[in-house]
Amino acid sequence: MGSDSAMTSITTMEDAMPKPRDKTPALDAFLARKAEIDTMLARLTALSDEHFNVAPDDIHWGHVGTLATYAELLKRITDAAFHEGEHAD
């Protein structure tokens, strides 16, 4: 009897131990989001390489404003990613 209760106790203790959670879904979601970001960055880089599809002779202050908006939005992202600006510790 003593060995049966000891075995039950061990089994119960093992059952009570928290099981490691499967992190595969989180990893898969993380990698999917990273791929989204990588795609966006590649598209932005290509657009920048083409001077945002504006010929030098066609540039006006509206284009400058558009780029200022893009830069402001990207700064918010880089500040958050690198813990700078309002996200600084």
Foldseek 3Di string as FASTA:
>chain_A
DVVVVVVVVVVVVVVPDDDDDDCVVVVVVVVVVVVVVVVVVVVVVVCVVCVVVADPVRDDVVVVVVVVVVVVVVVVVVCCVVCHDVSPD
